[in-house]
């Protein structure tokens, strides 16, 4: 079993590999490790130099590699999809915000997502087994986020999700047009609709964010 493990914390990689050796399928784990984004990029984009990776464990919080315009582990995930579409991706992340987790599901389409605050060694082995067998495995936080957003999909479309995420990142309303291809008036209308949906009477965007946090979205 050829596994690629990408994480900028070498001790965590060693721990993950040690745990995977106890898999109940009796698989021998041949791990290739990348502890920096440049190394990960070089491995992913040179598939002829490496075996086909059956499973890739990807830390989404990898640092930037500006020379190749890689801004995060999410960009690495998109590269894996392009260069090695048959590899099954399991994301490991410290993010617990529902909107971020849902965007990862949409963009990378991983077979698994493990939120670091949610899982232990047994969960890692369970995720590995299920993904190996062609199933999926998502941490409880991911399942909750997916259920909330899909059950409100008419309201929480991609644009409204992006507006809420950008506001949570501290982007001012007047600057949202730099990130979203809409006029400021169209964005304001969407903010009003978000407030109405959240049943917020006040005009402060802090109230939008407080409600989004209450729902586990940000």
Protein backbone atom coordinates (compact mmCIF):
# COMPACT_ATOMS: atom_id res chain seq x y z
CA UNK A 1 0.00 0.00 0.00
CA UNK A 2 1.65 3.19 -1.22
CA UNK A 3 0.72 6.19 0.90
CA UNK A 4 1.71 9.84 0.54
CA UNK A 5 1.67 11.78 3.81
CA UNK A 6 1.83 15.59 3.72
CA UNK A 7 2.14 17.52 6.97
CA UNK A 8 4.57 20.19 8.13
CA UNK A 9 4.86 18.51 11.54
CA UNK A 10 7.27 15.56 11.10
CA UNK A 11 6.45 14.02 14.48
CA UNK A 12 2.78 13.84 13.55
CA UNK A 13 3.64 12.05 10.31
CA UNK A 14 5.67 9.51 12.24
CA UNK A 15 2.76 9.03 14.62
CA UNK A 16 0.23 8.56 11.81
CA UNK A 17 2.45 6.01 10.07
CA UNK A 18 3.01 4.08 13.30
CA UNK A 19 -0.75 3.90 13.89
CA UNK A 20 -1.46 2.79 10.32
CA UNK A 21 0.90 -0.16 10.76
CA UNK A 22 -1.77 -1.61 13.06
CA UNK A 23 -4.40 -1.69 10.30
CA UNK A 24 -6.56 -4.79 10.58
CA UNK A 25 -6.23 -5.60 6.86
CA UNK A 26 -2.58 -6.50 7.44
CA UNK A 27 -1.41 -4.06 4.77
CA UNK A 28 2.24 -3.10 4.62
CA UNK A 29 2.46 0.70 4.55
CA UNK A 30 5.04 2.17 2.19
CA UNK A 31 4.94 5.83 3.14
CA UNK A 32 6.39 8.75 1.20
CA UNK A 33 6.51 11.83 3.41
CA UNK A 34 6.53 15.54 2.63
CA UNK A 35 7.06 17.95 5.51
CA UNK A 36 7.12 21.13 3.44
CA UNK A 37 5.01 22.45 0.59
CA UNK A 38 7.82 22.53 -1.98
CA UNK A 39 8.58 18.84 -1.44
CA UNK A 40 4.89 18.00 -1.65
CA UNK A 41 4.57 19.98 -4.88
CA UNK A 42 7.57 18.23 -6.43
CA UNK A 43 6.23 14.79 -5.53
CA UNK A 44 2.71 15.48 -6.78
CA UNK A 45 3.76 17.06 -10.08
CA UNK A 46 6.32 14.38 -10.97
CA UNK A 47 4.21 11.20 -10.86
CA UNK A 48 6.64 9.34 -13.13
CA UNK A 49 9.24 9.40 -10.33
CA UNK A 50 6.97 7.89 -7.70
CA UNK A 51 4.59 4.95 -7.37
CA UNK A 52 0.87 5.51 -7.71
CA UNK A 53 -0.28 6.57 -4.27
CA UNK A 54 -3.33 4.61 -3.19
CA UNK A 55 -4.13 7.06 -0.40
CA UNK A 56 -2.89 10.58 0.32
CA UNK A 57 -3.08 12.05 3.82
CA UNK A 58 -3.10 15.82 3.38
CA UNK A 59 -2.80 18.48 6.08
CA UNK A 60 -4.82 21.36 4.68
CA UNK A 61 -2.88 23.90 6.75
CA UNK A 62 0.36 23.63 4.78
CA UNK A 63 2.30 26.91 4.39
CA UNK A 64 2.52 28.84 1.13
CA UNK A 65 4.88 28.01 -1.72
CA UNK A 66 4.72 31.34 -3.50
CA UNK A 67 7.05 30.40 -6.35
CA UNK A 68 4.40 27.99 -7.66
CA UNK A 69 1.38 29.99 -6.44
CA UNK A 70 0.46 27.38 -3.84
CA UNK A 71 -1.34 29.14 -1.01
CA UNK A 72 -2.43 26.22 1.16
CA UNK A 73 -2.97 22.50 1.38
CA UNK A 74 -6.19 23.01 -0.55
CA UNK A 75 -4.15 23.96 -3.62
CA UNK A 76 -2.10 20.80 -3.14
CA UNK A 77 -5.33 18.82 -3.02
CA UNK A 78 -6.40 20.25 -6.36
CA UNK A 79 -3.01 19.29 -7.80
CA UNK A 80 -3.42 15.74 -6.54
CA UNK A 81 -6.78 15.54 -8.31
CA UNK A 82 -5.17 16.76 -11.53
CA UNK A 83 -1.99 14.66 -11.48
CA UNK A 84 -3.21 11.55 -9.67
CA UNK A 85 -7.00 11.31 -10.00
CA UNK A 86 -7.08 7.69 -8.81
CA UNK A 87 -5.46 8.54 -5.47
CA UNK A 88 -7.92 8.71 -2.59
CA UNK A 89 -7.46 11.81 -0.45
CA UNK A 90 -7.96 11.97 3.31
CA UNK A 91 -7.75 15.53 4.60
CA UNK A 92 -6.46 16.20 8.09
CA UNK A 93 -7.25 19.67 9.38
CA UNK A 94 -7.39 21.89 12.43
CA UNK A 95 -10.29 23.81 10.87
CA UNK A 96 -13.64 23.17 12.50
CA UNK A 97 -15.64 25.96 10.83
CA UNK A 98 -18.53 24.45 8.90
CA UNK A 99 -18.25 26.65 5.82
CA UNK A 100 -14.55 25.92 5.39
CA UNK A 101 -15.08 22.18 5.79
CA UNK A 102 -17.93 22.23 3.29
CA UNK A 103 -15.84 24.14 0.75
CA UNK A 104 -13.13 21.48 1.09
CA UNK A 105 -15.74 18.80 0.39
CA UNK A 106 -16.85 20.68 -2.71
CA UNK A 107 -13.45 21.61 -4.13
CA UNK A 108 -11.28 18.57 -3.39
CA UNK A 109 -13.96 15.87 -3.03
CA UNK A 110 -11.88 13.92 -0.51
CA UNK A 111 -12.83 10.41 0.53
CA UNK A 112 -12.26 11.43 4.14
CA UNK A 113 -11.86 14.47 6.37
CA UNK A 114 -10.49 14.20 9.88
CA UNK A 115 -10.78 17.24 12.14
CA UNK A 116 -7.87 17.14 14.57
CA UNK A 117 -10.03 17.96 17.58
CA UNK A 118 -12.39 15.10 16.64
CA UNK A 119 -10.22 12.04 16.10
CA UNK A 120 -7.83 9.66 17.83
CA UNK A 121 -5.79 6.67 16.68
CA UNK A 122 -8.82 4.40 16.39
CA UNK A 123 -10.61 6.95 14.23
CA UNK A 124 -7.54 7.22 11.98
CA UNK A 125 -7.52 3.46 11.51
CA UNK A 126 -11.26 3.43 10.87
CA UNK A 127 -10.96 6.18 8.27
CA UNK A 128 -8.06 4.37 6.61
CA UNK A 129 -10.01 1.11 6.45
CA UNK A 130 -13.18 2.67 5.06
CA UNK A 131 -11.38 4.69 2.41
CA UNK A 132 -9.31 1.65 1.44
CA UNK A 133 -12.56 -0.31 1.00
CA UNK A 134 -14.02 2.41 -1.22
CA UNK A 135 -16.19 4.07 1.41
CA UNK A 136 -15.98 7.55 2.94
CA UNK A 137 -15.19 8.75 6.44
CA UNK A 138 -15.94 12.21 7.82
CA UNK A 139 -15.45 13.48 11.35
CA UNK A 140 -18.55 14.35 13.34
CA UNK A 141 -17.91 18.08 12.84
CA UNK A 142 -17.83 17.59 9.06
CA UNK A 143 -21.05 15.58 9.03
CA UNK A 144 -22.81 18.27 11.07
CA UNK A 145 -21.60 21.04 8.74
CA UNK A 146 -22.63 19.10 5.65
CA UNK A 147 -26.10 18.45 7.05
CA UNK A 148 -26.67 22.10 8.02
CA UNK A 149 -25.56 23.48 4.67
CA UNK A 150 -27.25 20.92 2.43
CA UNK A 151 -30.52 21.29 4.33
CA UNK A 152 -30.33 25.05 3.70
CA UNK A 153 -28.85 24.87 0.21
CA UNK A 154 -31.36 27.30 -1.32
CA UNK A 155 -30.14 29.99 1.05
CA UNK A 156 -26.54 28.95 1.65
CA UNK A 157 -25.49 28.98 -1.99
CA UNK A 158 -21.85 29.42 -2.98
CA UNK A 159 -22.04 33.23 -3.02
CA UNK A 160 -23.73 33.61 0.37
CA UNK A 161 -21.27 31.12 1.84
CA UNK A 162 -18.39 33.16 0.46
CA UNK A 163 -19.83 36.43 1.80
CA UNK A 164 -20.12 34.98 5.30
CA UNK A 165 -16.61 33.49 5.15
CA UNK A 166 -15.06 36.75 3.95
CA UNK A 167 -16.83 38.76 6.63
CA UNK A 168 -15.54 36.27 9.20
CA UNK A 169 -12.02 36.87 7.86
CA UNK A 170 -12.41 40.58 8.58
CA UNK A 171 -13.02 41.73 5.00
CA UNK A 172 -15.05 44.94 4.93
CA UNK A 173 -18.26 45.05 2.90
CA UNK A 174 -16.83 47.73 0.60
CA UNK A 175 -13.95 45.38 -0.26
CA UNK A 176 -16.06 42.28 -0.97
CA UNK A 177 -16.24 43.21 -4.67
CA UNK A 178 -12.50 42.42 -4.88
CA UNK A 179 -13.31 38.81 -4.00
CA UNK A 180 -16.81 38.32 -5.44
CA UNK A 181 -17.87 39.20 -8.97
CA UNK A 182 -20.91 41.23 -7.90
CA UNK A 183 -21.67 44.92 -7.52
CA UNK A 184 -21.71 46.41 -4.04
CA UNK A 185 -25.50 46.87 -4.28
CA UNK A 186 -25.97 43.19 -5.14
CA UNK A 187 -23.79 42.21 -2.19
CA UNK A 188 -25.77 44.50 0.13
CA UNK A 189 -29.00 42.85 -1.03
CA UNK A 190 -27.54 39.45 -0.25
CA UNK A 191 -26.46 40.64 3.20
CA UNK A 192 -30.02 41.81 3.85
CA UNK A 193 -31.32 38.40 2.74
CA UNK A 194 -28.82 36.68 5.06
CA UNK A 195 -30.01 38.79 8.00
CA UNK A 196 -33.63 37.99 7.20
CA UNK A 197 -32.88 34.28 6.97
CA UNK A 198 -31.01 34.40 10.27
CA UNK A 199 -33.95 36.38 11.72
CA UNK A 200 -31.69 39.30 12.66
CA UNK A 201 -33.24 42.74 13.13
CA UNK A 202 -30.04 44.64 13.86
CA UNK A 203 -27.93 46.08 11.07
CA UNK A 204 -24.47 45.14 12.38
CA UNK A 205 -22.61 42.46 10.45
CA UNK A 206 -21.33 41.25 13.82
CA UNK A 207 -24.82 39.87 14.36
CA UNK A 208 -24.51 37.86 11.14
CA UNK A 209 -21.22 36.42 12.33
CA UNK A 210 -22.54 35.68 15.82
CA UNK A 211 -25.43 33.72 14.32
CA UNK A 212 -23.09 31.93 11.92
CA UNK A 213 -20.84 30.97 14.85
CA UNK A 214 -23.87 29.76 16.79
CA UNK A 215 -24.63 27.40 13.89
CA UNK A 216 -21.00 26.28 13.68
CA UNK A 217 -20.54 27.79 10.22
CA UNK A 218 -17.55 30.00 11.10
